[in-house]
Amino acid sequence: MTRESLRLNYHHLHYFWAVAKEGNLTRAARRLRIAQSALSTQIRRLEAQLGQPLFTRQGRTLVLTEAGRIALGYADTIMGAGDELVATLRGGRRQERQVLRVGAVATLSRNFQRGFLAPLVGEDGVELVLHSGSLGELLPRLGAHTLDLVLSNRRVQEDAQNAWRCRLIARQRVSLVGPRRKGRPFRFPDDLANVPLVLPSRDSEIRTAFDVICEQYGLRVNIAAEVDDMAMLRLLARDSAAVALVPAVVVVDELRAGTLEEYATVPHLHEEFYAISVRRQFQHPLLKPLLERAAGKVLAVAE
């Protein structure tokens, strides 16, 4: 194969970039002001040159393949470089960047997310795009390559349809916290039945494990509120007189400031934090330094 045959046709790349952005061949052809059949032909020629399919069709929508996601990353860089060339020659300054798209389960501790992503925050040439949602909403986006990573407090299993890679990042103790106490210290589990409790919802694995512990001790507890969002649980812990069941990382700022006090660490109860990716031939280069950090370093930054 000659060097000329390896040279990329940038018209083809531009057409691919436009289709990928629109997700629809008809809209992209209208935007580019060319015939849809001609646009389809240009995309096929680019796929033939790269030796990889770039799109799959789902109904009327074109979805990027893994190779398509990689190609779009380069196309974004190349198209951006063209804009920066003009800006540079007009007195601007060129800036190269890498984009990492991370989804986080909405109930996940914001402090944990901050600790996990800390090495990239503020880094030159790095742009973080963060999305929040349910695990059911985020995983399809991960599979479609519009997210590079999903952070979750639930493990997912690889199956025949989904090549998930689920890595345990950290385990965080779960505590009972509340306003500063006067008098004798809180006694676990004896005092549990005598205080109002703010608990995670019954969909939470923490709550399921806590309910089992209460059954083992034969306790009937007074539930003041059940919350499925850790940010709201943090607010209730801070602003009410109730005792909250939370991972310490969620309320670390309040514990440090003395607004809240840790009454007890619940024995054998932890929240686990997972980073979920997809088994791919081309892994995003920014993921490796994040995933190889020790659990203690992630939580140390969060705390």
C-alpha atoms as a PDB file:
ATOM      1  CA  MET A   1       0.000   0.000   0.000  1.00  0.00           C
ATOM      2  CA  THR A   2       1.432   3.345  -1.046  1.00  0.00           C
ATOM      3  CA  ARG A   3       1.721   6.391   1.148  1.00  0.00           C
ATOM      4  CA  GLU A   4      -0.730   8.184  -1.121  1.00  0.00           C
ATOM      5  CA  SER A   5      -3.370   5.499  -0.504  1.00  0.00           C
ATOM      6  CA  LEU A   6      -2.894   5.920   3.264  1.00  0.00           C
ATOM      7  CA  ARG A   7      -3.384   9.673   3.143  1.00  0.00           C
ATOM      8  CA  LEU A   8      -6.670  10.699   4.720  1.00  0.00           C
ATOM      9  CA  ASN A   9      -9.274  12.483   2.627  1.00  0.00           C
ATOM     10  CA  TYR A  10     -10.303  15.378   4.849  1.00  0.00           C
ATOM     11  CA  HIS A  11     -13.489  15.998   2.893  1.00  0.00           C
ATOM     12  CA  HIS A  12     -14.593  12.488   3.836  1.00  0.00           C
ATOM     13  CA  LEU A  13     -13.610  13.127   7.451  1.00  0.00           C
ATOM     14  CA  HIS A  14     -15.577  16.384   7.508  1.00  0.00           C
ATOM     15  CA  TYR A  15     -18.658  14.606   6.155  1.00  0.00           C
ATOM     16  CA  PHE A  16     -18.294  11.878   8.769  1.00  0.00           C
ATOM     17  CA  TRP A  17     -17.908  14.506  11.510  1.00  0.00           C
ATOM     18  CA  ALA A  18     -21.103  16.260  10.402  1.00  0.00           C
ATOM     19  CA  VAL A  19     -23.102  12.997  10.334  1.00  0.00           C
ATOM     20  CA  ALA A  20     -21.761  11.973  13.752  1.00  0.00           C
ATOM     21  CA  LYS A  21     -22.802  15.327  15.224  1.00  0.00           C
ATOM     22  CA  GLU A  22     -26.284  15.151  13.697  1.00  0.00           C
ATOM     23  CA  GLY A  23     -26.827  11.427  14.243  1.00  0.00           C
ATOM     24  CA  ASN A  24     -28.917  11.461  11.076  1.00  0.00           C
ATOM     25  CA  LEU A  25     -27.888  11.256   7.423  1.00  0.00           C
ATOM     26  CA  THR A  26     -30.759  13.379   6.100  1.00  0.00           C
ATOM     27  CA  ARG A  27     -30.156  16.280   8.486  1.00  0.00           C
ATOM     28  CA  ALA A  28     -26.409  16.173   7.866  1.00  0.00           C
ATOM     29  CA  ALA A  29     -26.917  16.205   4.079  1.00  0.00           C
ATOM     30  CA  ARG A  30     -29.246  19.202   4.424  1.00  0.00           C
ATOM     31  CA  ARG A  31     -26.704  20.997   6.589  1.00  0.00           C
ATOM     32  CA  LEU A  32     -23.858  20.269   4.156  1.00  0.00           C
ATOM     33  CA  ARG A  33     -26.069  21.041   1.138  1.00  0.00           C
ATOM     34  CA  ILE A  34     -25.228  17.852  -0.702  1.00  0.00           C
ATOM     35  CA  ALA A  35     -27.351  14.912  -1.808  1.00  0.00           C
ATOM     36  CA  GLN A  36     -27.970  12.241   0.816  1.00  0.00           C
ATOM     37  CA  SER A  37     -26.786   9.523  -1.574  1.00  0.00           C
ATOM     38  CA  ALA A  38     -23.531  11.393  -2.193  1.00  0.00           C
ATOM     39  CA  LEU A  39     -22.971  11.830   1.537  1.00  0.00           C
ATOM     40  CA  SER A  40     -23.605   8.131   2.150  1.00  0.00           C
ATOM     41  CA  THR A  41     -21.057   7.282  -0.554  1.00  0.00           C
ATOM     42  CA  GLN A  42     -18.402   9.509   1.069  1.00  0.00           C
ATOM     43  CA  ILE A  43     -18.937   7.839   4.450  1.00  0.00           C
ATOM     44  CA  ARG A  44     -18.564   4.369   2.888  1.00  0.00           C
ATOM     45  CA  ARG A  45     -15.317   5.446   1.222  1.00  0.00           C
ATOM     46  CA  LEU A  46     -13.943   6.642   4.556  1.00  0.00           C
ATOM     47  CA  GLU A  47     -14.955   3.350   6.199  1.00  0.00           C
ATOM     48  CA  ALA A  48     -13.247   1.438   3.390  1.00  0.00           C
ATOM     49  CA  GLN A  49     -10.053   3.439   3.839  1.00  0.00           C
ATOM     50  CA  LEU A  50     -10.062   2.959   7.630  1.00  0.00           C
ATOM     51  CA  GLY A  51     -11.071  -0.678   7.387  1.00  0.00           C
ATOM     52  CA  GLN A  52     -13.697  -0.239  10.106  1.00  0.00           C
ATOM     53  CA  PRO A  53     -17.455   0.438  10.164  1.00  0.00           C
ATOM     54  CA  LEU A  54     -18.071   3.823  11.769  1.00  0.00           C
ATOM     55  CA  PHE A  55     -21.851   3.653  12.295  1.00  0.00           C
ATOM     56  CA  THR A  56     -24.560   1.162  13.077  1.00  0.00           C
ATOM     57  CA  ARG A  57     -28.200   1.952  12.455  1.00  0.00           C
ATOM     58  CA  GLN A  58     -30.812   1.902  15.212  1.00  0.00           C
ATOM     59  CA  GLY A  59     -34.123   2.799  13.619  1.00  0.00           C
ATOM     60  CA  ARG A  60     -33.597   6.152  11.938  1.00  0.00           C
ATOM     61  CA  THR A  61     -30.626   7.036  14.107  1.00  0.00           C
ATOM     62  CA  LEU A  62     -26.991   6.386  13.273  1.00  0.00           C
ATOM     63  CA  VAL A  63     -25.000   5.254  16.321  1.00  0.00           C
ATOM     64  CA  LEU A  64     -21.220   5.374  16.469  1.00  0.00           C
ATOM     65  CA  THR A  65     -19.336   2.113  16.673  1.00  0.00           C
ATOM     66  CA  GLU A  66     -16.241   1.935  18.873  1.00  0.00           C
ATOM     67  CA  ALA A  67     -14.103   2.757  15.830  1.00  0.00           C
ATOM     68  CA  GLY A  68     -16.512   5.606  15.065  1.00  0.00           C
ATOM     69  CA  ARG A  69     -16.089   7.014  18.558  1.00  0.00           C
ATOM     70  CA  ILE A  70     -12.308   6.944  18.142  1.00  0.00           C
ATOM     71  CA  ALA A  71     -12.597   8.571  14.712  1.00  0.00           C
ATOM     72  CA  LEU A  72     -14.886  11.267  16.116  1.00  0.00           C
ATOM     73  CA  GLY A  73     -12.310  12.104  18.785  1.00  0.00           C
ATOM     74  CA  TYR A  74      -9.687  12.669  16.107  1.00  0.00           C
ATOM     75  CA  ALA A  75     -12.169  14.526  13.912  1.00  0.00           C
ATOM     76  CA  ASP A  76     -13.043  16.870  16.782  1.00  0.00           C
ATOM     77  CA  THR A  77      -9.343  17.569  17.256  1.00  0.00           C
ATOM     78  CA  ILE A  78      -8.729  18.129  13.554  1.00  0.00           C
ATOM     79  CA  MET A  79     -11.767  20.367  13.071  1.00  0.00           C
ATOM     80  CA  GLY A  80     -10.851  22.275  16.208  1.00  0.00           C
ATOM     81  CA  ALA A  81      -7.273  22.631  14.983  1.00  0.00           C
ATOM     82  CA  GLY A  82      -8.563  24.210  11.796  1.00  0.00           C
ATOM     83  CA  ASP A  83     -10.491  26.802  13.793  1.00  0.00           C
ATOM     84  CA  GLU A  84      -7.466  27.385  16.013  1.00  0.00           C
ATOM     85  CA  LEU A  85      -5.227  27.864  12.976  1.00  0.00           C
ATOM     86  CA  VAL A  86      -7.377  30.763  11.888  1.00  0.00           C
ATOM     87  CA  ALA A  87      -7.438  32.153  15.436  1.00  0.00           C
ATOM     88  CA  THR A  88      -3.664  31.752  15.786  1.00  0.00           C
ATOM     89  CA  LEU A  89      -2.913  33.645  12.596  1.00  0.00           C
ATOM     90  CA  ARG A  90      -5.262  36.366  13.787  1.00  0.00           C
ATOM     91  CA  GLY A  91      -3.379  36.738  17.065  1.00  0.00           C
ATOM     92  CA  GLY A  92      -4.995  33.970  19.116  1.00  0.00           C
ATOM     93  CA  ARG A  93      -3.347  30.978  20.746  1.00  0.00           C
ATOM     94  CA  ARG A  94      -3.733  27.316  19.956  1.00  0.00           C
ATOM     95  CA  GLN A  95      -4.913  25.004  22.741  1.00  0.00           C
ATOM     96  CA  GLU A  96      -4.949  21.223  22.448  1.00  0.00           C
ATOM     97  CA  ARG A  97      -7.307  19.306  24.717  1.00  0.00           C
ATOM     98  CA  GLN A  98      -8.583  15.854  25.559  1.00  0.00           C
ATOM     99  CA  VAL A  99     -12.213  15.342  26.513  1.00  0.00           C
ATOM    100  CA  LEU A 100     -13.280  12.726  29.082  1.00  0.00           C
ATOM    101  CA  ARG A 101     -17.017  12.083  29.433  1.00  0.00           C
ATOM    102  CA  VAL A 102     -18.006  10.624  32.792  1.00  0.00           C
ATOM    103  CA  GLY A 103     -21.450   9.591  33.995  1.00  0.00           C
ATOM    104  CA  ALA A 104     -22.212   9.291  37.709  1.00  0.00           C
ATOM    105  CA  VAL A 105     -25.206   7.687  39.372  1.00  0.00           C
ATOM    106  CA  ALA A 106     -27.289  10.511  40.825  1.00  0.00           C
ATOM    107  CA  THR A 107     -27.252   9.006  44.326  1.00  0.00           C
ATOM    108  CA  LEU A 108     -23.450   8.808  44.437  1.00  0.00           C
ATOM    109  CA  SER A 109     -21.556  10.974  46.921  1.00  0.00           C
ATOM    110  CA  ARG A 110     -20.399  14.220  45.325  1.00  0.00           C
ATOM    111  CA  ASN A 111     -17.345  14.153  47.579  1.00  0.00           C
ATOM    112  CA  PHE A 112     -16.348  10.752  46.212  1.00  0.00           C
ATOM    113  CA  GLN A 113     -16.762  11.992  42.640  1.00  0.00           C
ATOM    114  CA  ARG A 114     -14.582  14.979  43.459  1.00  0.00           C
ATOM    115  CA  GLY A 115     -11.899  12.758  44.976  1.00  0.00           C
ATOM    116  CA  PHE A 116     -11.912  10.320  42.070  1.00  0.00           C
ATOM    117  CA  LEU A 117     -11.643  13.005  39.390  1.00  0.00           C
ATOM    118  CA  ALA A 118      -9.250  15.250  41.329  1.00  0.00           C
ATOM    119  CA  PRO A 119      -6.122  14.402  39.239  1.00  0.00           C
ATOM    120  CA  LEU A 120      -7.771  15.797  36.097  1.00  0.00           C
ATOM    121  CA  VAL A 121      -9.581  18.827  37.509  1.00  0.00           C
ATOM    122  CA  GLY A 122      -7.837  21.977  36.337  1.00  0.00           C
ATOM    123  CA  GLU A 123      -5.312  20.092  34.192  1.00  0.00           C
ATOM    124  CA  ASP A 124      -4.180  21.954  31.096  1.00  0.00           C
ATOM    125  CA  GLY A 125      -5.514  20.397  27.929  1.00  0.00           C
ATOM    126  CA  VAL A 126      -8.181  18.312  29.725  1.00  0.00           C
ATOM    127  CA  GLU A 127     -11.921  18.913  29.590  1.00  0.00           C
ATOM    128  CA  LEU A 128     -14.218  16.931  31.883  1.00  0.00           C
ATOM    129  CA  VAL A 129     -17.837  16.488  30.802  1.00  0.00           C
ATOM    130  CA  LEU A 130     -19.937  15.159  33.692  1.00  0.00           C
ATOM    131  CA  HIS A 131     -23.410  13.644  33.416  1.00  0.00           C
ATOM    132  CA  SER A 132     -25.754  12.495  36.179  1.00  0.00           C
ATOM    133  CA  GLY A 133     -28.546   9.930  35.957  1.00  0.00           C
ATOM    134  CA  SER A 134     -29.725   6.503  36.976  1.00  0.00           C
ATOM    135  CA  LEU A 135     -27.609   3.448  36.252  1.00  0.00           C
ATOM    136  CA  GLY A 136     -30.267   2.351  33.755  1.00  0.00           C
ATOM    137  CA  GLU A 137     -29.878   5.648  31.903  1.00  0.00           C
ATOM    138  CA  LEU A 138     -26.090   5.805  31.947  1.00  0.00           C
ATOM    139  CA  LEU A 139     -25.149   2.264  30.925  1.00  0.00           C
ATOM    140  CA  PRO A 140     -26.739   2.455  27.443  1.00  0.00           C
ATOM    141  CA  ARG A 141     -24.797   5.666  26.835  1.00  0.00           C
ATOM    142  CA  LEU A 142     -21.615   3.896  27.919  1.00  0.00           C
ATOM    143  CA  GLY A 143     -22.402   1.064  25.520  1.00  0.00           C
ATOM    144  CA  ALA A 144     -23.045   3.569  22.714  1.00  0.00           C
ATOM    145  CA  HIS A 145     -19.628   5.194  23.381  1.00  0.00           C
ATOM    146  CA  THR A 146     -21.068   8.611  24.287  1.00  0.00           C
ATOM    147  CA  LEU A 147     -19.672   8.115  27.805  1.00  0.00           C
ATOM    148  CA  ASP A 148     -16.167   6.887  28.582  1.00  0.00           C
ATOM    149  CA  LEU A 149     -16.834   5.824  32.187  1.00  0.00           C
ATOM    150  CA  VAL A 150     -19.682   5.445  34.670  1.00  0.00           C
ATOM    151  CA  LEU A 151     -19.234   5.828  38.433  1.00  0.00           C
ATOM    152  CA  SER A 152     -21.644   3.795  40.544  1.00  0.00           C
ATOM    153  CA  ASN A 153     -22.190   2.377  44.017  1.00  0.00           C
ATOM    154  CA  ARG A 154     -23.571  -0.825  42.496  1.00  0.00           C
ATOM    155  CA  ARG A 155     -21.704  -3.591  40.722  1.00  0.00           C
ATOM    156  CA  VAL A 156     -22.806  -4.649  37.246  1.00  0.00           C
ATOM    157  CA  GLN A 157     -22.069  -8.006  35.677  1.00  0.00           C
ATOM    158  CA  GLU A 158     -20.776  -8.619  32.185  1.00  0.00           C
ATOM    159  CA  ASP A 159     -23.211 -10.590  30.023  1.00  0.00           C
ATOM    160  CA  ALA A 160     -23.637 -11.760  26.430  1.00  0.00           C
ATOM    161  CA  GLN A 161     -24.893  -8.342  25.306  1.00  0.00           C
ATOM    162  CA  ASN A 162     -22.662  -6.059  27.361  1.00  0.00           C
ATOM    163  CA  ALA A 163     -18.910  -6.315  27.887  1.00  0.00           C
ATOM    164  CA  TRP A 164     -18.888  -4.268  31.086  1.00  0.00           C
ATOM    165  CA  ARG A 165     -15.655  -3.906  33.030  1.00  0.00           C
ATOM    166  CA  CYS A 166     -16.585  -3.165  36.630  1.00  0.00           C
ATOM    167  CA  ARG A 167     -13.701  -2.186  38.873  1.00  0.00           C
ATOM    168  CA  LEU A 168     -13.935  -1.692  42.631  1.00  0.00           C
ATOM    169  CA  ILE A 169     -12.379   1.709  43.342  1.00  0.00           C
ATOM    170  CA  ALA A 170     -12.889   2.079  47.087  1.00  0.00           C
ATOM    171  CA  ARG A 171     -14.858   0.890  50.118  1.00  0.00           C
ATOM    172  CA  GLN A 172     -16.056   3.521  52.564  1.00  0.00           C
ATOM    173  CA  ARG A 173     -17.286   2.907  56.086  1.00  0.00           C
ATOM    174  CA  VAL A 174     -20.890   3.813  56.889  1.00  0.00           C
ATOM    175  CA  SER A 175     -21.591   5.812  60.020  1.00  0.00           C
ATOM    176  CA  LEU A 176     -24.370   7.163  62.179  1.00  0.00           C
ATOM    177  CA  VAL A 177     -24.000  10.943  62.380  1.00  0.00           C
ATOM    178  CA  GLY A 178     -25.994  13.707  64.011  1.00  0.00           C
ATOM    179  CA  PRO A 179     -25.779  17.014  65.868  1.00  0.00           C
ATOM    180  CA  ARG A 180     -23.154  17.342  68.588  1.00  0.00           C
ATOM    181  CA  ARG A 181     -24.234  15.402  71.663  1.00  0.00           C
ATOM    182  CA  LYS A 182     -24.148  16.517  75.250  1.00  0.00           C
ATOM    183  CA  GLY A 183     -23.643  13.998  77.985  1.00  0.00           C
ATOM    184  CA  ARG A 184     -22.755  10.372  77.448  1.00  0.00           C
ATOM    185  CA  PRO A 185     -21.594   9.038  74.083  1.00  0.00           C
ATOM    186  CA  PHE A 186     -23.998   7.327  71.690  1.00  0.00           C
ATOM    187  CA  ARG A 187     -24.207   3.596  72.347  1.00  0.00           C
ATOM    188  CA  PHE A 188     -24.577   1.300  69.349  1.00  0.00           C
ATOM    189  CA  PRO A 189     -26.897  -0.526  68.967  1.00  0.00           C
ATOM    190  CA  ASP A 190     -28.709   0.284  72.235  1.00  0.00           C
ATOM    191  CA  ASP A 191     -29.584   3.896  71.370  1.00  0.00           C
ATOM    192  CA  LEU A 192     -30.786   3.204  67.830  1.00  0.00           C
ATOM    193  CA  ALA A 193     -34.363   2.621  68.920  1.00  0.00           C
ATOM    194  CA  ASN A 194     -34.478   5.928  70.834  1.00  0.00           C
ATOM    195  CA  VAL A 195     -33.636   8.417  68.052  1.00  0.00           C
ATOM    196  CA  PRO A 196     -35.300   9.501  64.784  1.00  0.00           C
ATOM    197  CA  LEU A 197     -33.358   8.180  61.808  1.00  0.00           C
ATOM    198  CA  VAL A 198     -32.769   9.504  58.298  1.00  0.00           C
ATOM    199  CA  LEU A 199     -31.978   6.508  56.101  1.00  0.00           C
ATOM    200  CA  PRO A 200     -31.160   5.819  52.456  1.00  0.00           C
ATOM    201  CA  SER A 201     -34.143   4.480  50.512  1.00  0.00           C
ATOM    202  CA  ARG A 202     -34.918   0.784  50.337  1.00  0.00           C
ATOM    203  CA  ASP A 203     -33.396   0.657  46.843  1.00  0.00           C
ATOM    204  CA  SER A 204     -29.982   1.264  48.400  1.00  0.00           C
ATOM    205  CA  GLU A 205     -27.656  -1.632  49.218  1.00  0.00           C
ATOM    206  CA  ILE A 206     -26.610   0.268  52.352  1.00  0.00           C
ATOM    207  CA  ARG A 207     -30.215   0.314  53.515  1.00  0.00           C
ATOM    208  CA  THR A 208     -30.707  -3.373  52.768  1.00  0.00           C
ATOM    209  CA  ALA A 209     -27.642  -4.285  54.826  1.00  0.00           C
ATOM    210  CA  PHE A 210     -28.696  -1.934  57.647  1.00  0.00           C
ATOM    211  CA  ASP A 211     -32.145  -3.534  57.820  1.00  0.00           C
ATOM    212  CA  VAL A 212     -30.492  -6.940  58.176  1.00  0.00           C
ATOM    213  CA  ILE A 213     -28.348  -5.626  61.052  1.00  0.00           C
ATOM    214  CA  CYS A 214     -31.452  -4.260  62.799  1.00  0.00           C
ATOM    215  CA  GLU A 215     -33.163  -7.632  62.429  1.00  0.00           C
ATOM    216  CA  GLN A 216     -30.135  -9.375  63.903  1.00  0.00           C
ATOM    217  CA  TYR A 217     -30.302  -7.111  66.958  1.00  0.00           C
ATOM    218  CA  GLY A 218     -34.100  -7.361  67.159  1.00  0.00           C
ATOM    219  CA  LEU A 219     -34.485  -3.575  66.777  1.00  0.00           C
ATOM    220  CA  ARG A 220     -37.504  -1.578  65.651  1.00  0.00           C
ATOM    221  CA  VAL A 221     -36.259   1.853  64.636  1.00  0.00           C
ATOM    222  CA  ASN A 222     -38.018   5.206  64.281  1.00  0.00           C
ATOM    223  CA  ILE A 223     -37.644   6.318  60.640  1.00  0.00           C
ATOM    224  CA  ALA A 224     -38.030  10.068  60.194  1.00  0.00           C
ATOM    225  CA  ALA A 225     -37.181  10.104  56.464  1.00  0.00           C
ATOM    226  CA  GLU A 226     -36.033   7.874  53.630  1.00  0.00           C
ATOM    227  CA  VAL A 227     -33.944   9.542  50.916  1.00  0.00           C
ATOM    228  CA  ASP A 228     -32.664   8.186  47.606  1.00  0.00           C
ATOM    229  CA  ASP A 229     -30.251  11.060  46.969  1.00  0.00           C
ATOM    230  CA  MET A 230     -27.054  11.435  48.985  1.00  0.00           C
ATOM    231  CA  ALA A 231     -26.969  15.208  48.543  1.00  0.00           C
ATOM    232  CA  MET A 232     -30.430  15.501  50.114  1.00  0.00           C
ATOM    233  CA  LEU A 233     -29.505  13.029  52.837  1.00  0.00           C
ATOM    234  CA  ARG A 234     -26.519  15.223  53.629  1.00  0.00           C
ATOM    235  CA  LEU A 235     -28.775  18.292  53.952  1.00  0.00           C
ATOM    236  CA  LEU A 236     -31.212  16.485  56.245  1.00  0.00           C
ATOM    237  CA  ALA A 237     -28.347  15.230  58.387  1.00  0.00           C
ATOM    238  CA  ARG A 238     -27.029  18.767  58.696  1.00  0.00           C
ATOM    239  CA  ASP A 239     -30.297  20.636  59.194  1.00  0.00           C
ATOM    240  CA  SER A 240     -32.434  18.277  61.271  1.00  0.00           C
ATOM    241  CA  ALA A 241     -32.080  16.829  64.738  1.00  0.00           C
ATOM    242  CA  ALA A 242     -32.262  13.300  63.376  1.00  0.00           C
ATOM    243  CA  VAL A 243     -29.473  10.746  63.205  1.00  0.00           C
ATOM    244  CA  ALA A 244     -28.437   9.928  59.643  1.00  0.00           C
ATOM    245  CA  LEU A 245     -27.000   6.731  58.224  1.00  0.00           C
ATOM    246  CA  VAL A 246     -24.380   7.850  55.693  1.00  0.00           C
ATOM    247  CA  PRO A 247     -20.943   6.969  54.389  1.00  0.00           C
ATOM    248  CA  ALA A 248     -18.503   9.292  56.150  1.00  0.00           C
ATOM    249  CA  VAL A 249     -17.318  10.713  52.816  1.00  0.00           C
ATOM    250  CA  VAL A 250     -20.766  12.239  52.223  1.00  0.00           C
ATOM    251  CA  VAL A 251     -20.604  14.526  55.268  1.00  0.00           C
ATOM    252  CA  VAL A 252     -16.861  14.958  55.619  1.00  0.00           C
ATOM    253  CA  ASP A 253     -17.074  18.772  55.440  1.00  0.00           C
ATOM    254  CA  GLU A 254     -19.667  18.891  58.221  1.00  0.00           C
ATOM    255  CA  LEU A 255     -17.668  16.491  60.396  1.00  0.00           C
ATOM    256  CA  ARG A 256     -14.535  18.558  59.907  1.00  0.00           C
ATOM    257  CA  ALA A 257     -16.380  21.787  60.760  1.00  0.00           C
ATOM    258  CA  GLY A 258     -18.035  20.273  63.828  1.00  0.00           C
ATOM    259  CA  THR A 259     -21.556  20.788  62.463  1.00  0.00           C
ATOM    260  CA  LEU A 260     -22.077  17.040  62.721  1.00  0.00           C
ATOM    261  CA  GLU A 261     -20.599  14.394  64.962  1.00  0.00           C
ATOM    262  CA  GLU A 262     -19.902  10.779  64.131  1.00  0.00           C
ATOM    263  CA  TYR A 263     -21.790   8.766  66.750  1.00  0.00           C
ATOM    264  CA  ALA A 264     -20.727   5.299  65.650  1.00  0.00           C
ATOM    265  CA  THR A 265     -19.325   3.325  62.760  1.00  0.00           C
ATOM    266  CA  VAL A 266     -21.793   0.591  61.861  1.00  0.00           C
ATOM    267  CA  PRO A 267     -19.953  -2.753  62.051  1.00  0.00           C
ATOM    268  CA  HIS A 268     -19.528  -4.669  58.779  1.00  0.00           C
ATOM    269  CA  LEU A 269     -21.361  -1.996  56.759  1.00  0.00           C
ATOM    270  CA  HIS A 270     -19.637  -0.296  53.826  1.00  0.00           C
ATOM    271  CA  GLU A 271     -20.513   1.506  50.632  1.00  0.00           C
ATOM    272  CA  GLU A 272     -18.565   0.313  47.620  1.00  0.00           C
ATOM    273  CA  PHE A 273     -17.628   2.570  44.738  1.00  0.00           C
ATOM    274  CA  TYR A 274     -17.235   1.175  41.219  1.00  0.00           C
ATOM    275  CA  ALA A 275     -15.879   2.500  37.935  1.00  0.00           C
ATOM    276  CA  ILE A 276     -17.652   0.883  34.985  1.00  0.00           C
ATOM    277  CA  SER A 277     -16.206   0.917  31.502  1.00  0.00           C
ATOM    278  CA  VAL A 278     -16.621  -1.202  28.381  1.00  0.00           C
ATOM    279  CA  ARG A 279     -14.136  -3.756  27.164  1.00  0.00           C
ATOM    280  CA  ARG A 280     -12.651  -1.932  24.185  1.00  0.00           C
ATOM    281  CA  GLN A 281      -9.734  -2.247  21.820  1.00  0.00           C
ATOM    282  CA  PHE A 282      -9.007   1.468  22.214  1.00  0.00           C
ATOM    283  CA  GLN A 283      -9.265   2.656  25.819  1.00  0.00           C
ATOM    284  CA  HIS A 284      -9.400   6.360  26.578  1.00  0.00           C
ATOM    285  CA  PRO A 285      -5.843   7.425  27.611  1.00  0.00           C
ATOM    286  CA  LEU A 286      -7.093   9.545  30.538  1.00  0.00           C
ATOM    287  CA  LEU A 287      -8.731   6.549  32.241  1.00  0.00           C
ATOM    288  CA  LYS A 288      -5.562   4.656  33.091  1.00  0.00           C
ATOM    289  CA  PRO A 289      -4.161   7.103  35.690  1.00  0.00           C
ATOM    290  CA  LEU A 290      -7.596   7.383  37.320  1.00  0.00           C
ATOM    291  CA  LEU A 291      -8.231   3.656  37.554  1.00  0.00           C
ATOM    292  CA  GLU A 292      -4.754   2.761  38.808  1.00  0.00           C
ATOM    293  CA  ARG A 293      -4.906   4.997  41.901  1.00  0.00           C
ATOM    294  CA  ALA A 294      -5.115   3.300  45.273  1.00  0.00           C
ATOM    295  CA  ALA A 295      -8.425   3.429  47.119  1.00  0.00           C
ATOM    296  CA  GLY A 296      -6.813   5.289  49.999  1.00  0.00           C
ATOM    297  CA  LYS A 297      -5.702   8.099  47.714  1.00  0.00           C
ATOM    298  CA  VAL A 298      -9.181   8.510  46.223  1.00  0.00           C
ATOM    299  CA  LEU A 299     -10.841   8.758  49.625  1.00  0.00           C
ATOM    300  CA  ALA A 300      -8.027  10.862  51.069  1.00  0.00           C
ATOM    301  CA  VAL A 301      -8.704  13.552  48.452  1.00  0.00           C
ATOM    302  CA  ALA A 302     -12.463  13.259  49.064  1.00  0.00           C
ATOM    303  CA  GLU A 303     -11.960  13.638  52.796  1.00  0.00           C
END
